Amino acid sequence: MISFKGAQYPKSVILYAVYFYVRFPVSYRDLEEIMAERGVDLDHATLNRWVEKYAGTIADEARRRKASTGCSWRMDETYVKVKSRWTYLYRAIDKEGKTLDFMLSERRDEAAATAFFVKAIGNNGWPDKVVIDKSGSNAAGLFNMNCLLVMGNWCWLIDVLQVKYLNNRIEQDHRFIKKITRPMQTFKSFNSAAATLAGIEVAHMIRKGQFGRSGMSGFEQFAALAG
């Protein structure tokens, strides 16, 4: 359960604001006006602090609670601007389109790809197959994972496919993330970007029905993850 102890506003107000920001394409100033119309007077800096403080923690809970995913993965990265510099959002979905994991990185190289696969496998188990693009760094990251299997005396390896058309699904999946981040323009810090993107990913997972709560609204499912 996420603690809201000491918060100036009720938990429901905080969660509503955070959910609205990560689910819909609005800026902080837009959301400031929306909240004011609902009788909640706060500034955009407060909204930013709420997203940074709670979105990432809710995402951690979402990873634990999401329904099981498939063993055939599609992995790719997309670009996100932070302080006028490009950073890289690593993402993976299964062949049905369900989100597996995500990670923001300042670099796009073998070390970053390896770190992402370590994280994704730690949260989801080992895949049977991973489809990637022609990226050499992603291929190197998967080679490192297969080396771990060999050293562990496993009798199978991850099947790695570098076929562009098979990866179209995750490239299409990036569009939701891009749609929500577009009004946000440039993130002011890496931590703010990572927390916000994590929240956006959770909202996207809710849209995909990954928490098995079809009778609840999107906000209700988001709030339930906060405990």
Foldseek 3Di string as FASTA:
>chain_A
DADPPPPPDDPLLLLVLLLCLLQAQDALQRSQVVVVVVVDHDHSVVNLVSLLVPQQVLLVLCLQQFAAAAQEKEKDWDWAAAQNDIWIKIWMHHLVRATQDIDIGRDDALVVLLVVVVVSCVSHNHHQEYEYAPDPSNVSSQVVVQVVCVVVVHPHGRHYHHDVVSNVSVVVVCVQLCNNCVNHPHHHDPSSVRSSSSNNSLLVNVVVCRNVCVVDDSSVVSSVSSD
